[in-house]
């Protein structure tokens, strides 16, 4: 089976770890969800993010990501669509800032299906992830070792695995912190404001690519 050399694979894993460990849009999204709704919500969001990463890997194998590189307008359109979606998430988060009319927690918990979908769309509409598979991953493909598509699939799978471990760690840490912060309604309102700020910052990041 054609695979990159052990040296190349190790270099790719180290480079991927350095990329995913540094807090970015995905980490900020996971932390926001984990702090606001707890560890389970964060982990479901991670599942959505990594599913999107797997989709990006598949698109890269199909050559769609390379097409985006050749058509800069496609990347720009992806950026604006992603920014628009993040602005919608910010607006929804701000709705949770309003004091509740009766006792209880601030706002109903977001269902797991929606959490997964939000994570999926956040990373699917993130042009930086697509560009990673276009500009970074191909550098580790060794043509002399077999078909490039197989190597891209293996390296893409490795990226998803490393990203899943890293993002899950952030979700677990943020989830533990949330248990204290979600103890009062005033803290929940502050968390909602923080979440809205995170989504706004991610929107700005998306269009700044």
Foldseek 3Di string as FASTA:
>chain_A
DQEFDPVLLVVLLVVLLVVLLPDDLLLLLLLLQCLLPFLVLSLLLLLLQLVLLLVLLVCVLVCNLVVCVVPVVNLLVLLQVLLVVLLVVLVVLLVQLDDDPDDDARDDRDDSVVSSVVSNSNNNSQSVSSVCLVPPQVVSQDVVRDDSSVHSNVSSVSSSVSNSVSSSVSSNVSRVVNVVQRPDRNSSSVSSNSSSVSSNVSSVVSNVD
